[in-house]
Amino acid sequence: MGFDKVKVEVDSMIVIKKLQSPENDRSLIVVIINEIKEKTRRLRSIKFRYILLGANEATHAVASWGERMLSSEKKEDLLQDLQRTQRLKQLGEEN
């Protein structure tokens, strides 16, 4: 989507520690941890924050409701608006 700064809220402190560790992970979720690390390398900034499971469920419920309310055309418009905003921000930072 073109973002270079991301904040991720996670309800598992173990996952946060694995993602922040520079060491190679040897757990059962190693493939997922390594894929996330690889995809986040190109970001300028990524922050992981622990949240309680209940807060995560509430956020997910609101996001799911919003997704159901938007048509696919409106979703595409929203994505384009976000990308334009990101490009404008980048141009402002370059000048």
N, C-alpha and C. Protein backbone atom coordinates (compact mmCIF):
# COMPACT_ATOMS: atom_id res chain seq x y z
N MET A 1 0.81 -1.19 0.00
CA MET A 1 0.00 0.00 0.00
C MET A 1 0.86 1.26 0.00
N GLY A 2 2.17 1.12 0.11
CA GLY A 2 3.03 2.28 0.04
C GLY A 2 3.38 2.92 1.36
N PHE A 3 2.98 2.34 2.46
CA PHE A 3 3.30 2.90 3.76
C PHE A 3 4.76 2.62 4.10
N ASP A 4 5.41 3.56 4.80
CA ASP A 4 6.78 3.30 5.24
C ASP A 4 6.91 3.37 6.76
N LYS A 5 5.85 3.79 7.43
CA LYS A 5 5.80 3.80 8.89
C LYS A 5 4.55 3.04 9.32
N VAL A 6 4.74 2.01 10.15
CA VAL A 6 3.61 1.17 10.53
C VAL A 6 3.63 0.91 12.02
N LYS A 7 2.45 0.92 12.63
CA LYS A 7 2.28 0.52 14.03
C LYS A 7 1.38 -0.70 14.03
N VAL A 8 1.83 -1.75 14.70
CA VAL A 8 1.07 -3.00 14.74
C VAL A 8 0.71 -3.30 16.18
N GLU A 9 -0.57 -3.54 16.42
CA GLU A 9 -1.02 -3.91 17.75
C GLU A 9 -1.22 -5.42 17.77
N VAL A 10 -0.59 -6.07 18.74
CA VAL A 10 -0.58 -7.53 18.83
C VAL A 10 -1.00 -7.94 20.23
N ASP A 11 -1.77 -9.02 20.32
CA ASP A 11 -2.21 -9.48 21.63
C ASP A 11 -1.35 -10.63 22.17
N SER A 12 -0.14 -10.77 21.63
CA SER A 12 0.78 -11.81 22.10
C SER A 12 2.17 -11.21 22.32
N MET A 13 2.56 -11.11 23.57
CA MET A 13 3.88 -10.56 23.89
C MET A 13 4.98 -11.47 23.34
N ILE A 14 4.74 -12.76 23.29
CA ILE A 14 5.73 -13.70 22.74
C ILE A 14 6.01 -13.38 21.28
N VAL A 15 4.97 -13.12 20.52
CA VAL A 15 5.14 -12.79 19.10
C VAL A 15 5.91 -11.48 18.95
N ILE A 16 5.59 -10.49 19.76
CA ILE A 16 6.29 -9.21 19.70
C ILE A 16 7.78 -9.41 19.96
N LYS A 17 8.11 -10.18 20.98
CA LYS A 17 9.53 -10.43 21.30
C LYS A 17 10.24 -11.15 20.17
N LYS A 18 9.57 -12.11 19.54
CA LYS A 18 10.18 -12.84 18.43
C LYS A 18 10.41 -11.91 17.23
N LEU A 19 9.45 -11.02 16.98
CA LEU A 19 9.58 -10.10 15.85
C LEU A 19 10.68 -9.06 16.09
N GLN A 20 10.89 -8.67 17.33
CA GLN A 20 11.89 -7.66 17.65
C GLN A 20 13.29 -8.26 17.83
N SER A 21 13.37 -9.57 17.99
CA SER A 21 14.67 -10.21 18.24
C SER A 21 15.47 -10.32 16.94
N PRO A 22 16.76 -9.98 17.00
CA PRO A 22 17.61 -10.12 15.81
C PRO A 22 18.03 -11.58 15.58
N GLU A 23 17.82 -12.42 16.57
CA GLU A 23 18.22 -13.83 16.47
C GLU A 23 17.23 -14.60 15.60
N ASN A 24 17.73 -15.69 15.00
CA ASN A 24 16.85 -16.56 14.22
C ASN A 24 15.91 -17.30 15.15
N ASP A 25 14.66 -17.32 14.79
CA ASP A 25 13.64 -17.97 15.59
C ASP A 25 13.63 -19.46 15.29
N ARG A 26 13.41 -20.28 16.32
CA ARG A 26 13.36 -21.73 16.11
C ARG A 26 12.05 -22.32 16.63
N SER A 27 11.03 -21.50 16.71
CA SER A 27 9.75 -21.98 17.22
C SER A 27 8.92 -22.60 16.10
N LEU A 28 7.73 -23.05 16.44
CA LEU A 28 6.83 -23.65 15.45
C LEU A 28 6.31 -22.63 14.45
N ILE A 29 6.37 -21.34 14.80
CA ILE A 29 5.86 -20.31 13.89
C ILE A 29 7.00 -19.59 13.16
N VAL A 30 8.14 -20.25 13.04
CA VAL A 30 9.34 -19.65 12.45
C VAL A 30 9.07 -19.11 11.03
N VAL A 31 8.30 -19.83 10.24
CA VAL A 31 8.04 -19.41 8.86
C VAL A 31 7.28 -18.08 8.86
N ILE A 32 6.31 -17.95 9.72
CA ILE A 32 5.52 -16.73 9.79
C ILE A 32 6.36 -15.57 10.32
N ILE A 33 7.12 -15.81 11.39
CA ILE A 33 7.98 -14.77 11.96
C ILE A 33 8.98 -14.28 10.92
N ASN A 34 9.63 -15.19 10.22
CA ASN A 34 10.63 -14.80 9.22
C ASN A 34 10.00 -14.06 8.05
N GLU A 35 8.79 -14.45 7.64
CA GLU A 35 8.11 -13.74 6.55
C GLU A 35 7.76 -12.31 6.97
N ILE A 36 7.29 -12.15 8.19
CA ILE A 36 6.97 -10.80 8.68
C ILE A 36 8.23 -9.96 8.74
N LYS A 37 9.31 -10.53 9.28
CA LYS A 37 10.58 -9.78 9.36
C LYS A 37 11.05 -9.36 7.97
N GLU A 38 10.94 -10.25 7.01
CA GLU A 38 11.39 -9.95 5.65
C GLU A 38 10.55 -8.82 5.03
N LYS A 39 9.24 -8.88 5.21
CA LYS A 39 8.35 -7.87 4.63
C LYS A 39 8.50 -6.51 5.31
N THR A 40 8.92 -6.49 6.58
CA THR A 40 9.04 -5.22 7.30
C THR A 40 10.41 -4.58 7.13
N ARG A 41 11.35 -5.24 6.51
CA ARG A 41 12.70 -4.68 6.33
C ARG A 41 12.69 -3.41 5.49
N ARG A 42 11.76 -3.31 4.56
CA ARG A 42 11.73 -2.14 3.66
C ARG A 42 11.03 -0.95 4.29
N LEU A 43 10.47 -1.13 5.47
CA LEU A 43 9.80 -0.02 6.15
C LEU A 43 10.81 0.87 6.85
N ARG A 44 10.54 2.14 6.87
CA ARG A 44 11.40 3.07 7.59
C ARG A 44 11.22 2.90 9.09
N SER A 45 9.98 2.61 9.50
CA SER A 45 9.69 2.48 10.92
C SER A 45 8.56 1.48 11.13
N ILE A 46 8.75 0.56 12.06
CA ILE A 46 7.67 -0.34 12.46
C ILE A 46 7.73 -0.49 13.97
N LYS A 47 6.58 -0.33 14.59
CA LYS A 47 6.49 -0.45 16.04
C LYS A 47 5.43 -1.47 16.38
N PHE A 48 5.77 -2.35 17.31
CA PHE A 48 4.83 -3.35 17.79
C PHE A 48 4.40 -2.96 19.19
N ARG A 49 3.10 -3.03 19.42
CA ARG A 49 2.56 -2.65 20.72
C ARG A 49 1.66 -3.76 21.23
N TYR A 50 1.83 -4.12 22.48
CA TYR A 50 1.00 -5.14 23.09
C TYR A 50 -0.34 -4.54 23.49
N ILE A 51 -1.41 -5.24 23.17
CA ILE A 51 -2.74 -4.84 23.62
C ILE A 51 -3.44 -6.07 24.17
N LEU A 52 -4.40 -5.83 25.03
CA LEU A 52 -5.18 -6.94 25.58
C LEU A 52 -6.05 -7.56 24.50
N LEU A 53 -6.30 -8.84 24.63
CA LEU A 53 -7.10 -9.57 23.64
C LEU A 53 -8.46 -8.92 23.43
N GLY A 54 -9.11 -8.46 24.49
CA GLY A 54 -10.42 -7.82 24.36
C GLY A 54 -10.38 -6.60 23.47
N ALA A 55 -9.34 -5.80 23.59
CA ALA A 55 -9.20 -4.61 22.74
C ALA A 55 -9.01 -5.01 21.29
N ASN A 56 -8.25 -6.07 21.07
CA ASN A 56 -8.02 -6.57 19.72
C ASN A 56 -9.33 -7.04 19.10
N GLU A 57 -10.15 -7.72 19.89
CA GLU A 57 -11.43 -8.21 19.37
C GLU A 57 -12.35 -7.04 19.00
N ALA A 58 -12.36 -6.00 19.82
CA ALA A 58 -13.19 -4.83 19.54
C ALA A 58 -12.73 -4.15 18.26
N THR A 59 -11.42 -3.98 18.10
CA THR A 59 -10.87 -3.35 16.90
C THR A 59 -11.22 -4.17 15.67
N HIS A 60 -11.10 -5.48 15.78
CA HIS A 60 -11.42 -6.37 14.66
C HIS A 60 -12.90 -6.26 14.29
N ALA A 61 -13.76 -6.19 15.29
CA ALA A 61 -15.20 -6.08 15.03
C ALA A 61 -15.52 -4.79 14.29
N VAL A 62 -14.91 -3.68 14.70
CA VAL A 62 -15.15 -2.40 14.04
C VAL A 62 -14.62 -2.44 12.61
N ALA A 63 -13.43 -2.99 12.41
CA ALA A 63 -12.85 -3.09 11.06
C ALA A 63 -13.71 -3.98 10.16
N SER A 64 -14.20 -5.09 10.70
CA SER A 64 -15.05 -5.99 9.92
C SER A 64 -16.35 -5.30 9.52
N TRP A 65 -16.92 -4.55 10.44
CA TRP A 65 -18.15 -3.81 10.14
C TRP A 65 -17.88 -2.80 9.03
N GLY A 66 -16.78 -2.06 9.15
CA GLY A 66 -16.44 -1.07 8.13
C GLY A 66 -16.23 -1.71 6.76
N GLU A 67 -15.59 -2.87 6.75
CA GLU A 67 -15.34 -3.56 5.49
C GLU A 67 -16.66 -3.99 4.83
N ARG A 68 -17.61 -4.45 5.62
CA ARG A 68 -18.91 -4.85 5.08
C ARG A 68 -19.68 -3.65 4.54
N MET A 69 -19.46 -2.47 5.14
CA MET A 69 -20.20 -1.28 4.73
C MET A 69 -19.66 -0.68 3.44
N LEU A 70 -18.39 -0.92 3.13
CA LEU A 70 -17.79 -0.33 1.93
C LEU A 70 -17.95 -1.27 0.74
N SER A 71 -18.37 -0.74 -0.39
CA SER A 71 -18.39 -1.52 -1.61
C SER A 71 -16.95 -1.67 -2.10
N SER A 72 -16.72 -2.60 -3.01
CA SER A 72 -15.36 -2.79 -3.53
C SER A 72 -14.88 -1.53 -4.25
N GLU A 73 -15.80 -0.79 -4.89
CA GLU A 73 -15.42 0.46 -5.57
C GLU A 73 -14.96 1.50 -4.55
N LYS A 74 -15.69 1.62 -3.44
CA LYS A 74 -15.30 2.58 -2.41
C LYS A 74 -14.00 2.16 -1.74
N LYS A 75 -13.76 0.87 -1.60
CA LYS A 75 -12.49 0.39 -1.02
C LYS A 75 -11.33 0.81 -1.92
N GLU A 76 -11.52 0.67 -3.23
CA GLU A 76 -10.47 1.07 -4.17
C GLU A 76 -10.23 2.57 -4.10
N ASP A 77 -11.29 3.37 -3.99
CA ASP A 77 -11.15 4.82 -3.85
C ASP A 77 -10.38 5.16 -2.58
N LEU A 78 -10.70 4.49 -1.48
CA LEU A 78 -10.03 4.73 -0.21
C LEU A 78 -8.55 4.37 -0.32
N LEU A 79 -8.24 3.25 -0.95
CA LEU A 79 -6.85 2.85 -1.13
C LEU A 79 -6.09 3.88 -1.95
N GLN A 80 -6.70 4.38 -3.03
CA GLN A 80 -6.05 5.40 -3.85
C GLN A 80 -5.83 6.69 -3.07
N ASP A 81 -6.80 7.07 -2.25
CA ASP A 81 -6.64 8.27 -1.40
C ASP A 81 -5.48 8.09 -0.44
N LEU A 82 -5.38 6.92 0.17
CA LEU A 82 -4.27 6.65 1.10
C LEU A 82 -2.93 6.71 0.39
N GLN A 83 -2.87 6.15 -0.81
CA GLN A 83 -1.62 6.17 -1.57
C GLN A 83 -1.25 7.59 -1.98
N ARG A 84 -2.23 8.42 -2.39
CA ARG A 84 -1.96 9.81 -2.74
C ARG A 84 -1.45 10.58 -1.53
N THR A 85 -2.08 10.35 -0.38
CA THR A 85 -1.66 11.02 0.85
C THR A 85 -0.22 10.66 1.19
N GLN A 86 0.12 9.39 1.04
CA GLN A 86 1.48 8.94 1.33
C GLN A 86 2.47 9.59 0.37
N ARG A 87 2.13 9.67 -0.92
CA ARG A 87 3.03 10.30 -1.90
C ARG A 87 3.22 11.78 -1.60
N LEU A 88 2.14 12.47 -1.24
CA LEU A 88 2.24 13.89 -0.90
C LEU A 88 3.13 14.09 0.33
N LYS A 89 2.98 13.21 1.29
CA LYS A 89 3.81 13.30 2.49
C LYS A 89 5.28 13.09 2.15
N GLN A 90 5.55 12.12 1.29
CA GLN A 90 6.93 11.87 0.87
C GLN A 90 7.52 13.07 0.13
N LEU A 91 6.73 13.68 -0.74
CA LEU A 91 7.20 14.86 -1.47
C LEU A 91 7.50 16.00 -0.49
N GLY A 92 6.66 16.16 0.50
CA GLY A 92 6.88 17.20 1.51
C GLY A 92 8.14 16.96 2.31
N GLU A 93 8.45 15.70 2.60
CA GLU A 93 9.65 15.38 3.36
C GLU A 93 10.91 15.56 2.53
N GLU A 94 10.79 15.40 1.21
CA GLU A 94 11.94 15.55 0.32
C GLU A 94 12.32 17.02 0.16
N ASN A 95 11.36 17.91 0.30
CA ASN A 95 11.62 19.35 0.09
C ASN A 95 11.99 20.05 1.35
